[in-house]
Amino acid sequence: MTRQPSPTAQDALLRAASGQGAGMFDDGYALHPIARQAAISTPSHWVDAFVVSASEDGWIDLAGFTGESLRCWHFDDLSEVLTPGTPVAVHALYGVLTAGDELLNVSLAQS
């Protein structure tokens, strides 16, 4: 059985997915519909991971299932939604993070 986010968590994800308050499609803000479709259409670039930490300043540290470390940023504080151990996936080419049923635009940190 899949755990459903609480109403508060779901509200945070919906706000983050819409880029509410940002009004732009820069990395880490609102997800452009074309980027959304491109990410959905290229499944080979998704990396399964789990949340290591998410901070109030928007930085999210992830660990890939095959051992790689990933870091990304989103304008909204998702620290209460993306708790350590939460499974996610990141699209390495288009900078999209799945969180629950939402797709979020993130800025991927260069390693």
PDB file of N, CA and C in Angstrom:
ATOM      1  N   MET A   1       0.836  -1.173   0.000  1.00  0.00           N
ATOM      2  CA  MET A   1       0.000   0.000   0.000  1.00  0.00           C
ATOM      3  C   MET A   1       0.884   1.240   0.000  1.00  0.00           C
ATOM      4  N   THR A   2       0.600   2.175  -0.878  1.00  0.00           N
ATOM      5  CA  THR A   2       1.357   3.415  -0.985  1.00  0.00           C
ATOM      6  C   THR A   2       0.879   4.403   0.061  1.00  0.00           C
ATOM      7  N   ARG A   3       1.836   5.002   0.758  1.00  0.00           N
ATOM      8  CA  ARG A   3       1.501   6.007   1.762  1.00  0.00           C
ATOM      9  C   ARG A   3       1.151   7.312   1.068  1.00  0.00           C
ATOM     10  N   GLN A   4      -0.009   7.856   1.373  1.00  0.00           N
ATOM     11  CA  GLN A   4      -0.453   9.104   0.782  1.00  0.00           C
ATOM     12  C   GLN A   4       0.069  10.271   1.611  1.00  0.00           C
ATOM     13  N   PRO A   5       0.536  11.356   0.960  1.00  0.00           N
ATOM     14  CA  PRO A   5       0.977  12.515   1.715  1.00  0.00           C
ATOM     15  C   PRO A   5      -0.180  13.105   2.516  1.00  0.00           C
ATOM     16  N   SER A   6       0.147  13.701   3.645  1.00  0.00           N
ATOM     17  CA  SER A   6      -0.876  14.379   4.441  1.00  0.00           C
ATOM     18  C   SER A   6      -1.391  15.575   3.660  1.00  0.00           C
ATOM     19  N   PRO A   7      -2.579  16.097   4.008  1.00  0.00           N
ATOM     20  CA  PRO A   7      -3.093  17.270   3.283  1.00  0.00           C
ATOM     21  C   PRO A   7      -2.098  18.428   3.269  1.00  0.00           C
ATOM     22  N   THR A   8      -1.398  18.659   4.372  1.00  0.00           N
ATOM     23  CA  THR A   8      -0.417  19.736   4.428  1.00  0.00           C
ATOM     24  C   THR A   8       0.739  19.456   3.480  1.00  0.00           C
ATOM     25  N   ALA A   9       1.227  18.215   3.486  1.00  0.00           N
ATOM     26  CA  ALA A   9       2.321  17.841   2.592  1.00  0.00           C
ATOM     27  C   ALA A   9       1.874  17.952   1.134  1.00  0.00           C
ATOM     28  N   GLN A  10       0.656  17.485   0.842  1.00  0.00           N
ATOM     29  CA  GLN A  10       0.146  17.572  -0.530  1.00  0.00           C
ATOM     30  C   GLN A  10       0.031  19.024  -0.970  1.00  0.00           C
ATOM     31  N   ASP A  11      -0.429  19.904  -0.094  1.00  0.00           N
ATOM     32  CA  ASP A  11      -0.512  21.337  -0.421  1.00  0.00           C
ATOM     33  C   ASP A  11       0.865  21.895  -0.743  1.00  0.00           C
ATOM     34  N   ALA A  12       1.876  21.504   0.042  1.00  0.00           N
ATOM     35  CA  ALA A  12       3.239  21.983  -0.201  1.00  0.00           C
ATOM     36  C   ALA A  12       3.748  21.509  -1.555  1.00  0.00           C
ATOM     37  N   LEU A  13       3.462  20.240  -1.897  1.00  0.00           N
ATOM     38  CA  LEU A  13       3.907  19.718  -3.191  1.00  0.00           C
ATOM     39  C   LEU A  13       3.189  20.408  -4.346  1.00  0.00           C
ATOM     40  N   LEU A  14       1.906  20.643  -4.202  1.00  0.00           N
ATOM     41  CA  LEU A  14       1.158  21.325  -5.264  1.00  0.00           C
ATOM     42  C   LEU A  14       1.666  22.742  -5.459  1.00  0.00           C
ATOM     43  N   ARG A  15       1.941  23.452  -4.362  1.00  0.00           N
ATOM     44  CA  ARG A  15       2.472  24.813  -4.452  1.00  0.00           C
ATOM     45  C   ARG A  15       3.846  24.794  -5.120  1.00  0.00           C
ATOM     46  N   ALA A  16       4.683  23.834  -4.736  1.00  0.00           N
ATOM     47  CA  ALA A  16       6.018  23.733  -5.316  1.00  0.00           C
ATOM     48  C   ALA A  16       5.954  23.381  -6.795  1.00  0.00           C
ATOM     49  N   ALA A  17       5.049  22.482  -7.162  1.00  0.00           N
ATOM     50  CA  ALA A  17       4.925  22.068  -8.562  1.00  0.00           C
ATOM     51  C   ALA A  17       4.454  23.213  -9.447  1.00  0.00           C
ATOM     52  N   SER A  18       3.637  24.099  -8.891  1.00  0.00           N
ATOM     53  CA  SER A  18       3.110  25.199  -9.698  1.00  0.00           C
ATOM     54  C   SER A  18       4.082  26.361  -9.808  1.00  0.00           C
ATOM     55  N   GLY A  19       5.117  26.365  -8.953  1.00  0.00           N
ATOM     56  CA  GLY A  19       6.045  27.492  -8.965  1.00  0.00           C
ATOM     57  C   GLY A  19       5.394  28.740  -8.418  1.00  0.00           C
ATOM     58  N   GLN A  20       4.385  28.564  -7.580  1.00  0.00           N
ATOM     59  CA  GLN A  20       3.631  29.682  -7.028  1.00  0.00           C
ATOM     60  C   GLN A  20       4.573  30.697  -6.410  1.00  0.00           C
ATOM     61  N   GLY A  21       4.426  31.933  -6.798  1.00  0.00           N
ATOM     62  CA  GLY A  21       5.252  32.992  -6.265  1.00  0.00           C
ATOM     63  C   GLY A  21       6.475  33.275  -7.108  1.00  0.00           C
ATOM     64  N   ALA A  22       6.855  32.344  -7.956  1.00  0.00           N
ATOM     65  CA  ALA A  22       8.045  32.556  -8.770  1.00  0.00           C
ATOM     66  C   ALA A  22       7.690  33.233 -10.081  1.00  0.00           C
ATOM     67  N   GLY A  23       6.677  32.716 -10.758  1.00  0.00           N
ATOM     68  CA  GLY A  23       6.262  33.310 -12.016  1.00  0.00           C
ATOM     69  C   GLY A  23       7.251  33.139 -13.146  1.00  0.00           C
ATOM     70  N   MET A  24       8.139  32.173 -13.022  1.00  0.00           N
ATOM     71  CA  MET A  24       9.122  31.948 -14.076  1.00  0.00           C
ATOM     72  C   MET A  24       9.457  30.471 -14.173  1.00  0.00           C
ATOM     73  N   PHE A  25      10.111  30.101 -15.257  1.00  0.00           N
ATOM     74  CA  PHE A  25      10.451  28.707 -15.505  1.00  0.00           C
ATOM     75  C   PHE A  25      11.951  28.440 -15.358  1.00  0.00           C
ATOM     76  N   ASP A  26      12.669  29.297 -14.643  1.00  0.00           N
ATOM     77  CA  ASP A  26      14.090  29.043 -14.413  1.00  0.00           C
ATOM     78  C   ASP A  26      14.264  27.753 -13.624  1.00  0.00           C
ATOM     79  N   ASP A  27      15.474  27.188 -13.666  1.00  0.00           N
ATOM     80  CA  ASP A  27      15.754  25.964 -12.912  1.00  0.00           C
ATOM     81  C   ASP A  27      15.413  26.159 -11.449  1.00  0.00           C
ATOM     82  N   GLY A  28      14.634  25.220 -10.914  1.00  0.00           N
ATOM     83  CA  GLY A  28      14.268  25.260  -9.514  1.00  0.00           C
ATOM     84  C   GLY A  28      12.961  25.965  -9.228  1.00  0.00           C
ATOM     85  N   TYR A  29      12.309  26.507 -10.243  1.00  0.00           N
ATOM     86  CA  TYR A  29      11.038  27.204 -10.047  1.00  0.00           C
ATOM     87  C   TYR A  29       9.918  26.409 -10.719  1.00  0.00           C
ATOM     88  N   ALA A  30       9.062  27.030 -11.470  1.00  0.00           N
ATOM     89  CA  ALA A  30       7.932  26.338 -12.101  1.00  0.00           C
ATOM     90  C   ALA A  30       8.416  25.415 -13.229  1.00  0.00           C
ATOM     91  N   LEU A  31       7.778  24.267 -13.346  1.00  0.00           N
ATOM     92  CA  LEU A  31       8.112  23.309 -14.399  1.00  0.00           C
ATOM     93  C   LEU A  31       7.363  23.672 -15.670  1.00  0.00           C
ATOM     94  N   HIS A  32       8.106  23.954 -16.715  1.00  0.00           N
ATOM     95  CA  HIS A  32       7.502  24.296 -18.004  1.00  0.00           C
ATOM     96  C   HIS A  32       6.845  23.040 -18.588  1.00  0.00           C
ATOM     97  N   PRO A  33       5.672  23.175 -19.196  1.00  0.00           N
ATOM     98  CA  PRO A  33       4.990  22.008 -19.769  1.00  0.00           C
ATOM     99  C   PRO A  33       5.833  21.245 -20.796  1.00  0.00           C
ATOM    100  N   ILE A  34       6.668  21.934 -21.551  1.00  0.00           N
ATOM    101  CA  ILE A  34       7.513  21.244 -22.536  1.00  0.00           C
ATOM    102  C   ILE A  34       8.576  20.412 -21.823  1.00  0.00           C
ATOM    103  N   ALA A  35       9.171  20.955 -20.760  1.00  0.00           N
ATOM    104  CA  ALA A  35      10.169  20.202 -19.991  1.00  0.00           C
ATOM    105  C   ALA A  35       9.520  18.993 -19.320  1.00  0.00           C
ATOM    106  N   ARG A  36       8.309  19.167 -18.837  1.00  0.00           N
ATOM    107  CA  ARG A  36       7.565  18.060 -18.228  1.00  0.00           C
ATOM    108  C   ARG A  36       7.393  16.934 -19.233  1.00  0.00           C
ATOM    109  N   GLN A  37       6.919  17.261 -20.423  1.00  0.00           N
ATOM    110  CA  GLN A  37       6.688  16.249 -21.450  1.00  0.00           C
ATOM    111  C   GLN A  37       7.988  15.613 -21.909  1.00  0.00           C
ATOM    112  N   ALA A  38       9.049  16.415 -22.036  1.00  0.00           N
ATOM    113  CA  ALA A  38      10.348  15.872 -22.447  1.00  0.00           C
ATOM    114  C   ALA A  38      10.863  14.862 -21.414  1.00  0.00           C
ATOM    115  N   ALA A  39      10.712  15.185 -20.125  1.00  0.00           N
ATOM    116  CA  ALA A  39      11.159  14.265 -19.068  1.00  0.00           C
ATOM    117  C   ALA A  39      10.347  12.972 -19.090  1.00  0.00           C
ATOM    118  N   ILE A  40       9.057  13.092 -19.250  1.00  0.00           N
ATOM    119  CA  ILE A  40       8.187  11.911 -19.298  1.00  0.00           C
ATOM    120  C   ILE A  40       8.532  11.041 -20.509  1.00  0.00           C
ATOM    121  N   SER A  41       8.925  11.676 -21.601  1.00  0.00           N
ATOM    122  CA  SER A  41       9.175  10.969 -22.859  1.00  0.00           C
ATOM    123  C   SER A  41      10.556  10.336 -22.950  1.00  0.00           C
ATOM    124  N   THR A  42      11.431  10.595 -21.973  1.00  0.00           N
ATOM    125  CA  THR A  42      12.786  10.035 -22.012  1.00  0.00           C
ATOM    126  C   THR A  42      13.074   9.276 -20.717  1.00  0.00           C
ATOM    127  N   PRO A  43      12.485   8.099 -20.563  1.00  0.00           N
ATOM    128  CA  PRO A  43      12.601   7.358 -19.305  1.00  0.00           C
ATOM    129  C   PRO A  43      14.014   6.878 -18.974  1.00  0.00           C
ATOM    130  N   SER A  44      14.888   6.783 -19.942  1.00  0.00           N
ATOM    131  CA  SER A  44      16.233   6.266 -19.669  1.00  0.00           C
ATOM    132  C   SER A  44      17.085   7.219 -18.835  1.00  0.00           C
ATOM    133  N   HIS A  45      16.659   8.461 -18.675  1.00  0.00           N
ATOM    134  CA  HIS A  45      17.447   9.441 -17.920  1.00  0.00           C
ATOM    135  C   HIS A  45      16.993   9.601 -16.467  1.00  0.00           C
ATOM    136  N   TRP A  46      16.008   8.825 -16.033  1.00  0.00           N
ATOM    137  CA  TRP A  46      15.554   8.897 -14.640  1.00  0.00           C
ATOM    138  C   TRP A  46      16.496   8.113 -13.746  1.00  0.00           C
ATOM    139  N   VAL A  47      16.835   8.687 -12.603  1.00  0.00           N
ATOM    140  CA  VAL A  47      17.685   8.043 -11.607  1.00  0.00           C
ATOM    141  C   VAL A  47      16.856   7.854 -10.341  1.00  0.00           C
ATOM    142  N   ASP A  48      16.664   6.611  -9.920  1.00  0.00           N
ATOM    143  CA  ASP A  48      15.949   6.334  -8.681  1.00  0.00           C
ATOM    144  C   ASP A  48      16.853   6.671  -7.502  1.00  0.00           C
ATOM    145  N   ALA A  49      16.278   7.300  -6.499  1.00  0.00           N
ATOM    146  CA  ALA A  49      17.071   7.735  -5.349  1.00  0.00           C
ATOM    147  C   ALA A  49      16.187   7.809  -4.110  1.00  0.00           C
ATOM    148  N   PHE A  50      16.813   8.132  -2.992  1.00  0.00           N
ATOM    149  CA  PHE A  50      16.053   8.437  -1.784  1.00  0.00           C
ATOM    150  C   PHE A  50      16.652   9.683  -1.151  1.00  0.00           C
ATOM    151  N   VAL A  51      15.835  10.376  -0.397  1.00  0.00           N
ATOM    152  CA  VAL A  51      16.239  11.632   0.221  1.00  0.00           C
ATOM    153  C   VAL A  51      17.175  11.342   1.391  1.00  0.00           C
ATOM    154  N   VAL A  52      18.317  12.024   1.385  1.00  0.00           N
ATOM    155  CA  VAL A  52      19.239  11.978   2.515  1.00  0.00           C
ATOM    156  C   VAL A  52      18.891  13.124   3.458  1.00  0.00           C
ATOM    157  N   SER A  53      18.706  14.318   2.880  1.00  0.00           N
ATOM    158  CA  SER A  53      18.299  15.477   3.677  1.00  0.00           C
ATOM    159  C   SER A  53      17.684  16.511   2.753  1.00  0.00           C
ATOM    160  N   ALA A  54      16.827  17.327   3.324  1.00  0.00           N
ATOM    161  CA  ALA A  54      16.227  18.468   2.613  1.00  0.00           C
ATOM    162  C   ALA A  54      16.229  19.628   3.601  1.00  0.00           C
ATOM    163  N   SER A  55      16.820  20.732   3.199  1.00  0.00           N
ATOM    164  CA  SER A  55      16.938  21.860   4.117  1.00  0.00           C
ATOM    165  C   SER A  55      15.947  22.966   3.774  1.00  0.00           C
ATOM    166  N   GLU A  56      15.742  23.853   4.720  1.00  0.00           N
ATOM    167  CA  GLU A  56      14.787  24.945   4.555  1.00  0.00           C
ATOM    168  C   GLU A  56      15.178  25.901   3.436  1.00  0.00           C
ATOM    169  N   ASP A  57      16.477  25.941   3.083  1.00  0.00           N
ATOM    170  CA  ASP A  57      16.919  26.843   2.013  1.00  0.00           C
ATOM    171  C   ASP A  57      16.746  26.238   0.618  1.00  0.00           C
ATOM    172  N   GLY A  58      16.096  25.067   0.537  1.00  0.00           N
ATOM    173  CA  GLY A  58      15.769  24.468  -0.752  1.00  0.00           C
ATOM    174  C   GLY A  58      16.722  23.394  -1.238  1.00  0.00           C
ATOM    175  N   TRP A  59      17.871  23.225  -0.596  1.00  0.00           N
ATOM    176  CA  TRP A  59      18.822  22.200  -1.034  1.00  0.00           C
ATOM    177  C   TRP A  59      18.350  20.820  -0.607  1.00  0.00           C
ATOM    178  N   ILE A  60      18.436  19.881  -1.542  1.00  0.00           N
ATOM    179  CA  ILE A  60      17.996  18.503  -1.322  1.00  0.00           C
ATOM    180  C   ILE A  60      19.158  17.583  -1.672  1.00  0.00           C
ATOM    181  N   ASP A  61      19.601  16.787  -0.709  1.00  0.00           N
ATOM    182  CA  ASP A  61      20.656  15.805  -0.933  1.00  0.00           C
ATOM    183  C   ASP A  61      20.015  14.439  -1.108  1.00  0.00           C
ATOM    184  N   LEU A  62      20.448  13.757  -2.166  1.00  0.00           N
ATOM    185  CA  LEU A  62      19.875  12.459  -2.513  1.00  0.00           C
ATOM    186  C   LEU A  62      20.971  11.416  -2.652  1.00  0.00           C
ATOM    187  N   ALA A  63      20.600  10.168  -2.441  1.00  0.00           N
ATOM    188  CA  ALA A  63      21.505   9.052  -2.693  1.00  0.00           C
ATOM    189  C   ALA A  63      20.823   8.137  -3.695  1.00  0.00           C
ATOM    190  N   GLY A  64      21.507   7.909  -4.805  1.00  0.00           N
ATOM    191  CA  GLY A  64      20.974   7.014  -5.822  1.00  0.00           C
ATOM    192  C   GLY A  64      21.016   5.575  -5.347  1.00  0.00           C
ATOM    193  N   PHE A  65      20.153   4.750  -5.895  1.00  0.00           N
ATOM    194  CA  PHE A  65      20.083   3.350  -5.491  1.00  0.00           C
ATOM    195  C   PHE A  65      21.357   2.588  -5.834  1.00  0.00           C
ATOM    196  N   THR A  66      22.164   3.123  -6.755  1.00  0.00           N
ATOM    197  CA  THR A  66      23.415   2.461  -7.113  1.00  0.00           C
ATOM    198  C   THR A  66      24.620   3.161  -6.497  1.00  0.00           C
ATOM    199  N   GLY A  67      24.384   4.023  -5.499  1.00  0.00           N
ATOM    200  CA  GLY A  67      25.475   4.615  -4.732  1.00  0.00           C
ATOM    201  C   GLY A  67      25.868   6.040  -5.078  1.00  0.00           C
ATOM    202  N   GLU A  68      25.355   6.593  -6.142  1.00  0.00           N
ATOM    203  CA  GLU A  68      25.741   7.958  -6.519  1.00  0.00           C
ATOM    204  C   GLU A  68      25.072   8.987  -5.613  1.00  0.00           C
ATOM    205  N   SER A  69      25.746  10.104  -5.398  1.00  0.00           N
ATOM    206  CA  SER A  69      25.189  11.213  -4.622  1.00  0.00           C
ATOM    207  C   SER A  69      24.700  12.275  -5.582  1.00  0.00           C
ATOM    208  N   LEU A  70      23.543  12.841  -5.291  1.00  0.00           N
ATOM    209  CA  LEU A  70      22.963  13.888  -6.122  1.00  0.00           C
ATOM    210  C   LEU A  70      22.562  15.038  -5.216  1.00  0.00           C
ATOM    211  N   ARG A  71      22.648  16.242  -5.757  1.00  0.00           N
ATOM    212  CA  ARG A  71      22.217  17.414  -4.997  1.00  0.00           C
ATOM    213  C   ARG A  71      21.430  18.304  -5.941  1.00  0.00           C
ATOM    214  N   CYS A  72      20.313  18.793  -5.451  1.00  0.00           N
ATOM    215  CA  CYS A  72      19.492  19.674  -6.266  1.00  0.00           C
ATOM    216  C   CYS A  72      18.882  20.759  -5.385  1.00  0.00           C
ATOM    217  N   TRP A  73      18.306  21.759  -6.044  1.00  0.00           N
ATOM    218  CA  TRP A  73      17.718  22.889  -5.331  1.00  0.00           C
ATOM    219  C   TRP A  73      16.345  23.197  -5.914  1.00  0.00           C
ATOM    220  N   HIS A  74      15.410  23.530  -5.025  1.00  0.00           N
ATOM    221  CA  HIS A  74      14.088  23.991  -5.415  1.00  0.00           C
ATOM    222  C   HIS A  74      13.768  25.214  -4.573  1.00  0.00           C
ATOM    223  N   PHE A  75      13.096  26.202  -5.160  1.00  0.00           N
ATOM    224  CA  PHE A  75      12.863  27.470  -4.466  1.00  0.00           C
ATOM    225  C   PHE A  75      12.038  27.324  -3.201  1.00  0.00           C
ATOM    226  N   ASP A  76      11.216  26.296  -3.126  1.00  0.00           N
ATOM    227  CA  ASP A  76      10.320  26.131  -1.985  1.00  0.00           C
ATOM    228  C   ASP A  76      10.975  25.234  -0.930  1.00  0.00           C
ATOM    229  N   ASP A  77      10.654  25.468   0.315  1.00  0.00           N
ATOM    230  CA  ASP A  77      11.111  24.630   1.422  1.00  0.00           C
ATOM    231  C   ASP A  77      10.300  23.337   1.417  1.00  0.00           C
ATOM    232  N   LEU A  78      10.939  22.248   1.051  1.00  0.00           N
ATOM    233  CA  LEU A  78      10.269  20.943   1.014  1.00  0.00           C
ATOM    234  C   LEU A  78      10.775  20.034   2.117  1.00  0.00           C
ATOM    235  N   SER A  79      11.429  20.613   3.134  1.00  0.00           N
ATOM    236  CA  SER A  79      12.042  19.808   4.192  1.00  0.00           C
ATOM    237  C   SER A  79      11.030  19.005   4.996  1.00  0.00           C
ATOM    238  N   GLU A  80       9.795  19.464   5.092  1.00  0.00           N
ATOM    239  CA  GLU A  80       8.784  18.698   5.832  1.00  0.00           C
ATOM    240  C   GLU A  80       8.146  17.615   4.968  1.00  0.00           C
ATOM    241  N   VAL A  81       8.278  17.729   3.662  1.00  0.00           N
ATOM    242  CA  VAL A  81       7.693  16.759   2.734  1.00  0.00           C
ATOM    243  C   VAL A  81       8.715  15.705   2.343  1.00  0.00           C
ATOM    244  N   LEU A  82       9.928  16.147   2.030  1.00  0.00           N
ATOM    245  CA  LEU A  82      10.981  15.237   1.599  1.00  0.00           C
ATOM    246  C   LEU A  82      11.849  14.873   2.797  1.00  0.00           C
ATOM    247  N   THR A  83      11.336  14.003   3.623  1.00  0.00           N
ATOM    248  CA  THR A  83      12.055  13.579   4.822  1.00  0.00           C
ATOM    249  C   THR A  83      13.068  12.497   4.453  1.00  0.00           C
ATOM    250  N   PRO A  84      14.110  12.333   5.263  1.00  0.00           N
ATOM    251  CA  PRO A  84      15.110  11.295   4.970  1.00  0.00           C
ATOM    252  C   PRO A  84      14.454   9.932   4.765  1.00  0.00           C
ATOM    253  N   GLY A  85      14.886   9.275   3.689  1.00  0.00           N
ATOM    254  CA  GLY A  85      14.357   7.965   3.337  1.00  0.00           C
ATOM    255  C   GLY A  85      13.239   7.986   2.318  1.00  0.00           C
ATOM    256  N   THR A  86      12.701   9.169   2.020  1.00  0.00           N
ATOM    257  CA  THR A  86      11.623   9.264   1.037  1.00  0.00           C
ATOM    258  C   THR A  86      12.144   8.861  -0.340  1.00  0.00           C
ATOM    259  N   PRO A  87      11.489   7.909  -1.019  1.00  0.00           N
ATOM    260  CA  PRO A  87      11.921   7.539  -2.372  1.00  0.00           C
ATOM    261  C   PRO A  87      11.506   8.608  -3.381  1.00  0.00           C
ATOM    262  N   VAL A  88      12.400   8.934  -4.285  1.00  0.00           N
ATOM    263  CA  VAL A  88      12.158   9.911  -5.336  1.00  0.00           C
ATOM    264  C   VAL A  88      12.850   9.424  -6.608  1.00  0.00           C
ATOM    265  N   ALA A  89      12.712  10.176  -7.661  1.00  0.00           N
ATOM    266  CA  ALA A  89      13.477   9.944  -8.890  1.00  0.00           C
ATOM    267  C   ALA A  89      13.840  11.308  -9.447  1.00  0.00           C
ATOM    268  N   VAL A  90      14.998  11.375 -10.077  1.00  0.00           N
ATOM    269  CA  VAL A  90      15.479  12.626 -10.668  1.00  0.00           C
ATOM    270  C   VAL A  90      15.749  12.378 -12.139  1.00  0.00           C
ATOM    271  N   HIS A  91      15.287  13.291 -12.972  1.00  0.00           N
ATOM    272  CA  HIS A  91      15.611  13.216 -14.399  1.00  0.00           C
ATOM    273  C   HIS A  91      16.898  14.000 -14.593  1.00  0.00           C
ATOM    274  N   ALA A  92      17.978  13.277 -14.852  1.00  0.00           N
ATOM    275  CA  ALA A  92      19.308  13.872 -14.905  1.00  0.00           C
ATOM    276  C   ALA A  92      19.506  14.833 -16.077  1.00  0.00           C
ATOM    277  N   LEU A  93      18.737  14.691 -17.125  1.00  0.00           N
ATOM    278  CA  LEU A  93      18.891  15.557 -18.296  1.00  0.00           C
ATOM    279  C   LEU A  93      18.075  16.843 -18.177  1.00  0.00           C
ATOM    280  N   TYR A  94      16.843  16.738 -17.691  1.00  0.00           N
ATOM    281  CA  TYR A  94      15.950  17.895 -17.667  1.00  0.00           C
ATOM    282  C   TYR A  94      15.737  18.508 -16.288  1.00  0.00           C
ATOM    283  N   GLY A  95      16.369  17.979 -15.250  1.00  0.00           N
ATOM    284  CA  GLY A  95      16.254  18.576 -13.926  1.00  0.00           C
ATOM    285  C   GLY A  95      14.845  18.536 -13.372  1.00  0.00           C
ATOM    286  N   VAL A  96      14.274  17.341 -13.346  1.00  0.00           N
ATOM    287  CA  VAL A  96      12.924  17.152 -12.820  1.00  0.00           C
ATOM    288  C   VAL A  96      13.012  16.149 -11.670  1.00  0.00           C
ATOM    289  N   LEU A  97      12.350  16.453 -10.576  1.00  0.00           N
ATOM    290  CA  LEU A  97      12.311  15.591  -9.410  1.00  0.00           C
ATOM    291  C   LEU A  97      10.884  15.119  -9.192  1.00  0.00           C
ATOM    292  N   THR A  98      10.703  13.817  -9.007  1.00  0.00           N
ATOM    293  CA  THR A  98       9.384  13.318  -8.634  1.00  0.00           C
ATOM    294  C   THR A  98       9.282  13.338  -7.117  1.00  0.00           C
ATOM    295  N   ALA A  99       8.170  13.815  -6.633  1.00  0.00           N
ATOM    296  CA  ALA A  99       7.894  13.812  -5.191  1.00  0.00           C
ATOM    297  C   ALA A  99       6.424  13.459  -5.053  1.00  0.00           C
ATOM    298  N   GLY A 100       6.143  12.272  -4.563  1.00  0.00           N
ATOM    299  CA  GLY A 100       4.758  11.803  -4.570  1.00  0.00           C
ATOM    300  C   GLY A 100       4.292  11.698  -6.007  1.00  0.00           C
ATOM    301  N   ASP A 101       3.153  12.294  -6.300  1.00  0.00           N
ATOM    302  CA  ASP A 101       2.632  12.289  -7.668  1.00  0.00           C
ATOM    303  C   ASP A 101       3.021  13.535  -8.444  1.00  0.00           C
ATOM    304  N   GLU A 102       3.815  14.408  -7.832  1.00  0.00           N
ATOM    305  CA  GLU A 102       4.171  15.680  -8.470  1.00  0.00           C
ATOM    306  C   GLU A 102       5.524  15.608  -9.156  1.00  0.00           C
ATOM    307  N   LEU A 103       5.650  16.368 -10.232  1.00  0.00           N
ATOM    308  CA  LEU A 103       6.925  16.565 -10.905  1.00  0.00           C
ATOM    309  C   LEU A 103       7.360  17.995 -10.612  1.00  0.00           C
ATOM    310  N   LEU A 104       8.573  18.150 -10.093  1.00  0.00           N
ATOM    311  CA  LEU A 104       9.081  19.465  -9.715  1.00  0.00           C
ATOM    312  C   LEU A 104      10.307  19.805 -10.538  1.00  0.00           C
ATOM    313  N   ASN A 105      10.421  21.052 -10.918  1.00  0.00           N
ATOM    314  CA  ASN A 105      11.597  21.551 -11.617  1.00  0.00           C
ATOM    315  C   ASN A 105      12.678  21.827 -10.563  1.00  0.00           C
ATOM    316  N   VAL A 106      13.856  21.249 -10.739  1.00  0.00           N
ATOM    317  CA  VAL A 106      14.948  21.490  -9.811  1.00  0.00           C
ATOM    318  C   VAL A 106      16.208  21.904 -10.567  1.00  0.00           C
ATOM    319  N   SER A 107      17.056  22.571  -9.862  1.00  0.00           N
ATOM    320  CA  SER A 107      18.378  22.906 -10.388  1.00  0.00           C
ATOM    321  C   SER A 107      19.331  21.846  -9.873  1.00  0.00           C
ATOM    322  N   LEU A 108      19.970  21.128 -10.783  1.00  0.00           N
ATOM    323  CA  LEU A 108      20.899  20.074 -10.384  1.00  0.00           C
ATOM    324  C   LEU A 108      22.277  20.680 -10.154  1.00  0.00           C
ATOM    325  N   ALA A 109      22.866  20.382  -9.006  1.00  0.00           N
ATOM    326  CA  ALA A 109      24.204  20.874  -8.686  1.00  0.00           C
ATOM    327  C   ALA A 109      25.221  20.096  -9.508  1.00  0.00           C
ATOM    328  N   GLN A 110      26.223  20.791  -9.988  1.00  0.00           N
ATOM    329  CA  GLN A 110      27.293  20.143 -10.750  1.00  0.00           C
ATOM    330  C   GLN A 110      28.232  19.431  -9.786  1.00  0.00           C
ATOM    331  N   SER A 111      28.620  18.199 -10.151  1.00  0.00           N
ATOM    332  CA  SER A 111      29.552  17.482  -9.282  1.00  0.00           C
ATOM    333  C   SER A 111      30.979  17.678  -9.711  1.00  0.00           C
TER     334      SER A 111
END
